[in-house]
């Protein structure tokens, strides 16, 4: 079976640094510590944290913060965002 996404208008803001979006905060220290133990490359960048229905996600510069149909927020990588969404002109 194949499916198509229903057309839904969403709000989105592209995030680049802390202060760009009111709900993106510093990465919690517990999460930062876990990620730093795996790789140092990620923490050479400015990162943020957005709370989601699943707890939260790290956001990197250029990610889009989407507000869904029920007010939930989640990040989306720029290439996925461009492939999935188009601007609303009205």
N, C-alpha and C. Protein backbone atom coordinates (compact mmCIF):
# COMPACT_ATOMS: atom_id res chain seq x y z
N UNK A 1 0.83 -1.18 0.00
CA UNK A 1 0.00 0.00 0.00
C UNK A 1 0.87 1.24 0.00
N UNK A 2 0.40 2.27 -0.65
CA UNK A 2 1.09 3.55 -0.64
C UNK A 2 0.18 4.59 -0.01
N UNK A 3 0.79 5.58 0.65
CA UNK A 3 0.02 6.64 1.31
C UNK A 3 0.61 7.99 0.97
N UNK A 4 -0.21 9.02 1.02
CA UNK A 4 0.23 10.39 0.84
C UNK A 4 -0.11 11.17 2.11
N UNK A 5 0.80 12.03 2.54
CA UNK A 5 0.52 12.89 3.70
C UNK A 5 -0.64 13.82 3.39
N UNK A 6 -1.52 13.98 4.35
CA UNK A 6 -2.60 14.95 4.19
C UNK A 6 -2.00 16.35 4.21
N UNK A 7 -2.52 17.24 3.40
CA UNK A 7 -1.98 18.61 3.44
C UNK A 7 -2.35 19.29 4.76
N UNK A 8 -1.34 19.68 5.49
CA UNK A 8 -1.52 20.35 6.78
C UNK A 8 -0.60 21.55 6.81
N UNK A 9 -1.11 22.68 7.25
CA UNK A 9 -0.27 23.87 7.38
C UNK A 9 0.36 23.85 8.77
N UNK A 10 1.68 24.02 8.82
CA UNK A 10 2.41 24.01 10.09
C UNK A 10 3.15 25.33 10.26
N UNK A 11 3.54 25.62 11.47
CA UNK A 11 4.42 26.74 11.77
C UNK A 11 5.82 26.18 11.93
N UNK A 12 6.83 26.89 11.42
CA UNK A 12 8.21 26.43 11.57
C UNK A 12 9.14 27.62 11.61
N UNK A 13 10.20 27.49 12.39
CA UNK A 13 11.23 28.51 12.50
C UNK A 13 12.58 27.82 12.35
N UNK A 14 13.44 28.36 11.50
CA UNK A 14 14.77 27.77 11.37
C UNK A 14 15.63 28.25 12.52
N UNK A 15 16.35 27.31 13.13
CA UNK A 15 17.13 27.60 14.33
C UNK A 15 18.61 27.61 13.99
N UNK A 16 19.32 28.62 14.51
CA UNK A 16 20.77 28.70 14.30
C UNK A 16 21.56 28.84 15.59
N UNK A 17 20.94 29.46 16.62
CA UNK A 17 21.66 29.67 17.87
C UNK A 17 20.65 29.88 18.99
N UNK A 18 21.11 29.71 20.23
CA UNK A 18 20.23 29.94 21.37
C UNK A 18 19.67 31.36 21.29
N UNK A 19 18.39 31.48 21.53
CA UNK A 19 17.72 32.77 21.44
C UNK A 19 16.89 32.91 20.18
N UNK A 20 17.12 32.04 19.18
CA UNK A 20 16.35 32.10 17.93
C UNK A 20 14.92 31.60 18.10
N UNK A 21 14.69 30.71 19.04
CA UNK A 21 13.37 30.12 19.25
C UNK A 21 13.12 30.03 20.75
N UNK A 22 11.96 30.46 21.22
CA UNK A 22 11.73 30.50 22.67
C UNK A 22 11.75 29.15 23.36
N UNK A 23 11.53 28.05 22.63
CA UNK A 23 11.48 26.75 23.28
C UNK A 23 12.74 25.92 23.09
N UNK A 24 13.77 26.49 22.48
CA UNK A 24 15.05 25.79 22.36
C UNK A 24 15.94 26.30 23.49
N UNK A 25 16.43 25.36 24.29
CA UNK A 25 17.25 25.70 25.45
C UNK A 25 18.62 25.03 25.31
N UNK A 26 19.49 25.27 26.27
CA UNK A 26 20.78 24.58 26.29
C UNK A 26 20.54 23.09 26.47
N UNK A 27 21.43 22.29 25.88
CA UNK A 27 21.34 20.83 26.03
C UNK A 27 21.53 20.50 27.51
N UNK A 28 20.61 19.72 28.10
CA UNK A 28 20.77 19.34 29.50
C UNK A 28 22.11 18.64 29.73
N UNK A 29 22.72 18.90 30.87
CA UNK A 29 24.06 18.38 31.14
C UNK A 29 24.11 16.85 31.07
N UNK A 30 23.07 16.18 31.51
CA UNK A 30 23.04 14.72 31.47
C UNK A 30 23.12 14.23 30.02
N UNK A 31 22.39 14.87 29.13
CA UNK A 31 22.41 14.50 27.71
C UNK A 31 23.75 14.86 27.10
N UNK A 32 24.24 16.05 27.40
CA UNK A 32 25.53 16.51 26.87
C UNK A 32 26.64 15.53 27.25
N UNK A 33 26.64 15.11 28.50
CA UNK A 33 27.68 14.18 28.98
C UNK A 33 27.62 12.86 28.21
N UNK A 34 26.43 12.33 28.01
CA UNK A 34 26.26 11.07 27.27
C UNK A 34 26.77 11.21 25.85
N UNK A 35 26.41 12.31 25.17
CA UNK A 35 26.82 12.51 23.79
C UNK A 35 28.32 12.77 23.69
N UNK A 36 28.87 13.52 24.63
CA UNK A 36 30.30 13.82 24.59
C UNK A 36 31.13 12.55 24.73
N UNK A 37 30.61 11.57 25.46
CA UNK A 37 31.36 10.32 25.62
C UNK A 37 31.39 9.53 24.32
N UNK A 38 30.46 9.81 23.40
CA UNK A 38 30.42 9.10 22.12
C UNK A 38 31.23 9.80 21.04
N UNK A 39 31.17 11.12 21.01
CA UNK A 39 31.85 11.87 19.95
C UNK A 39 32.12 13.30 20.41
N UNK A 40 33.21 13.86 19.98
CA UNK A 40 33.49 15.25 20.32
C UNK A 40 33.08 16.19 19.21
N UNK A 41 32.89 15.67 17.99
CA UNK A 41 32.53 16.53 16.86
C UNK A 41 31.25 17.31 17.10
N UNK A 42 30.25 16.66 17.67
CA UNK A 42 28.97 17.34 17.87
C UNK A 42 29.10 18.52 18.81
N UNK A 43 29.98 18.44 19.77
CA UNK A 43 30.04 19.48 20.77
C UNK A 43 31.06 20.56 20.44
N UNK A 44 31.56 20.53 19.20
CA UNK A 44 32.31 21.67 18.70
C UNK A 44 31.35 22.68 18.09
N UNK A 45 30.07 22.33 18.00
CA UNK A 45 29.03 23.19 17.44
C UNK A 45 28.19 23.76 18.57
N UNK A 46 27.46 24.81 18.24
CA UNK A 46 26.45 25.31 19.17
C UNK A 46 25.23 24.43 19.00
N UNK A 47 24.80 23.81 20.07
CA UNK A 47 23.65 22.92 20.02
C UNK A 47 22.56 23.43 20.94
N UNK A 48 21.37 22.98 20.68
CA UNK A 48 20.24 23.31 21.53
C UNK A 48 19.44 22.06 21.84
N UNK A 49 18.40 22.24 22.62
CA UNK A 49 17.53 21.15 23.05
C UNK A 49 16.10 21.64 22.97
N UNK A 50 15.24 20.85 22.33
CA UNK A 50 13.82 21.19 22.28
C UNK A 50 13.04 20.03 22.88
N UNK A 51 12.15 20.37 23.80
CA UNK A 51 11.29 19.35 24.40
C UNK A 51 10.29 18.87 23.36
N UNK A 52 10.07 17.56 23.34
CA UNK A 52 9.12 16.95 22.41
C UNK A 52 8.19 16.03 23.19
N UNK A 53 7.23 15.46 22.49
CA UNK A 53 6.34 14.50 23.15
C UNK A 53 7.10 13.28 23.65
N UNK A 54 8.25 12.98 23.02
CA UNK A 54 9.05 11.81 23.41
C UNK A 54 10.11 12.15 24.46
N UNK A 55 10.17 13.33 24.94
CA UNK A 55 11.12 13.83 25.95
C UNK A 55 11.90 15.02 25.41
N UNK A 56 12.64 14.85 24.32
CA UNK A 56 13.38 15.95 23.76
C UNK A 56 14.40 15.49 22.73
N UNK A 57 14.89 16.46 21.96
CA UNK A 57 15.88 16.18 20.92
C UNK A 57 16.92 17.28 20.89
N UNK A 58 18.15 16.90 20.57
CA UNK A 58 19.21 17.86 20.31
C UNK A 58 18.93 18.50 18.97
N UNK A 59 19.13 19.81 18.86
CA UNK A 59 18.99 20.51 17.59
C UNK A 59 20.34 21.12 17.22
N UNK A 60 20.64 21.11 15.93
CA UNK A 60 21.88 21.67 15.44
C UNK A 60 21.57 22.89 14.57
N UNK A 61 22.53 23.80 14.40
CA UNK A 61 22.27 24.99 13.60
C UNK A 61 21.73 24.62 12.21
N UNK A 62 20.67 25.30 11.82
CA UNK A 62 20.02 25.06 10.53
C UNK A 62 18.78 24.20 10.62
N UNK A 63 18.61 23.46 11.73
CA UNK A 63 17.40 22.64 11.90
C UNK A 63 16.17 23.54 11.95
N UNK A 64 15.07 23.00 11.50
CA UNK A 64 13.79 23.68 11.61
C UNK A 64 13.07 23.16 12.85
N UNK A 65 12.44 24.06 13.60
CA UNK A 65 11.61 23.67 14.75
C UNK A 65 10.17 23.78 14.27
N UNK A 66 9.50 22.65 14.19
CA UNK A 66 8.13 22.58 13.68
C UNK A 66 7.16 22.53 14.84
N UNK A 67 6.08 23.28 14.73
CA UNK A 67 4.98 23.19 15.67
C UNK A 67 3.88 22.42 14.95
N UNK A 68 3.55 21.24 15.46
CA UNK A 68 2.58 20.36 14.81
C UNK A 68 1.14 20.77 15.06
N UNK A 69 0.24 19.96 14.54
CA UNK A 69 -1.19 20.29 14.57
C UNK A 69 -1.78 20.29 15.98
N UNK A 70 -1.12 19.65 16.93
CA UNK A 70 -1.61 19.65 18.30
C UNK A 70 -0.74 20.51 19.22
N UNK A 71 0.10 21.38 18.61
CA UNK A 71 0.95 22.26 19.39
C UNK A 71 2.27 21.65 19.81
N UNK A 72 2.50 20.39 19.47
CA UNK A 72 3.76 19.72 19.80
C UNK A 72 4.88 20.30 18.95
N UNK A 73 6.09 20.24 19.47
CA UNK A 73 7.24 20.76 18.73
C UNK A 73 8.28 19.68 18.55
N UNK A 74 8.95 19.73 17.40
CA UNK A 74 9.99 18.77 17.10
C UNK A 74 10.91 19.35 16.04
N UNK A 75 12.18 18.92 16.04
CA UNK A 75 13.13 19.42 15.05
C UNK A 75 13.05 18.62 13.75
N UNK A 76 13.50 19.26 12.68
CA UNK A 76 13.55 18.62 11.37
C UNK A 76 14.80 19.11 10.66
N UNK A 77 15.58 18.18 10.11
CA UNK A 77 16.79 18.55 9.36
C UNK A 77 16.41 19.32 8.11
N UNK A 78 17.25 20.29 7.69
CA UNK A 78 16.91 21.15 6.56
C UNK A 78 16.58 20.40 5.26
N UNK A 79 17.33 19.36 4.92
CA UNK A 79 17.06 18.65 3.66
C UNK A 79 15.71 17.94 3.69
N UNK A 80 15.33 17.38 4.83
CA UNK A 80 14.03 16.73 4.97
C UNK A 80 12.92 17.78 4.94
N UNK A 81 13.16 18.92 5.59
CA UNK A 81 12.17 19.98 5.62
C UNK A 81 11.86 20.46 4.20
N UNK A 82 12.90 20.73 3.41
CA UNK A 82 12.72 21.23 2.04
C UNK A 82 12.01 20.20 1.17
N UNK A 83 12.31 18.91 1.37
CA UNK A 83 11.67 17.85 0.60
C UNK A 83 10.21 17.63 0.99
N UNK A 84 9.84 18.05 2.19
CA UNK A 84 8.52 17.75 2.71
C UNK A 84 7.55 18.94 2.70
N UNK A 85 8.08 20.15 2.89
CA UNK A 85 7.23 21.32 3.05
C UNK A 85 7.51 22.37 1.98
N UNK A 86 6.50 23.19 1.71
CA UNK A 86 6.66 24.34 0.81
C UNK A 86 5.98 25.53 1.48
N UNK A 87 6.44 26.74 1.18
CA UNK A 87 5.84 27.93 1.80
C UNK A 87 4.35 28.08 1.45
N UNK A 88 3.58 28.59 2.38
CA UNK A 88 2.17 28.91 2.15
C UNK A 88 2.13 30.39 1.77
N UNK A 89 1.51 30.68 0.65
CA UNK A 89 1.50 32.07 0.17
C UNK A 89 0.26 32.82 0.61
N UNK A 90 -0.64 32.21 1.31
CA UNK A 90 -1.85 32.90 1.72
C UNK A 90 -1.95 32.98 3.21
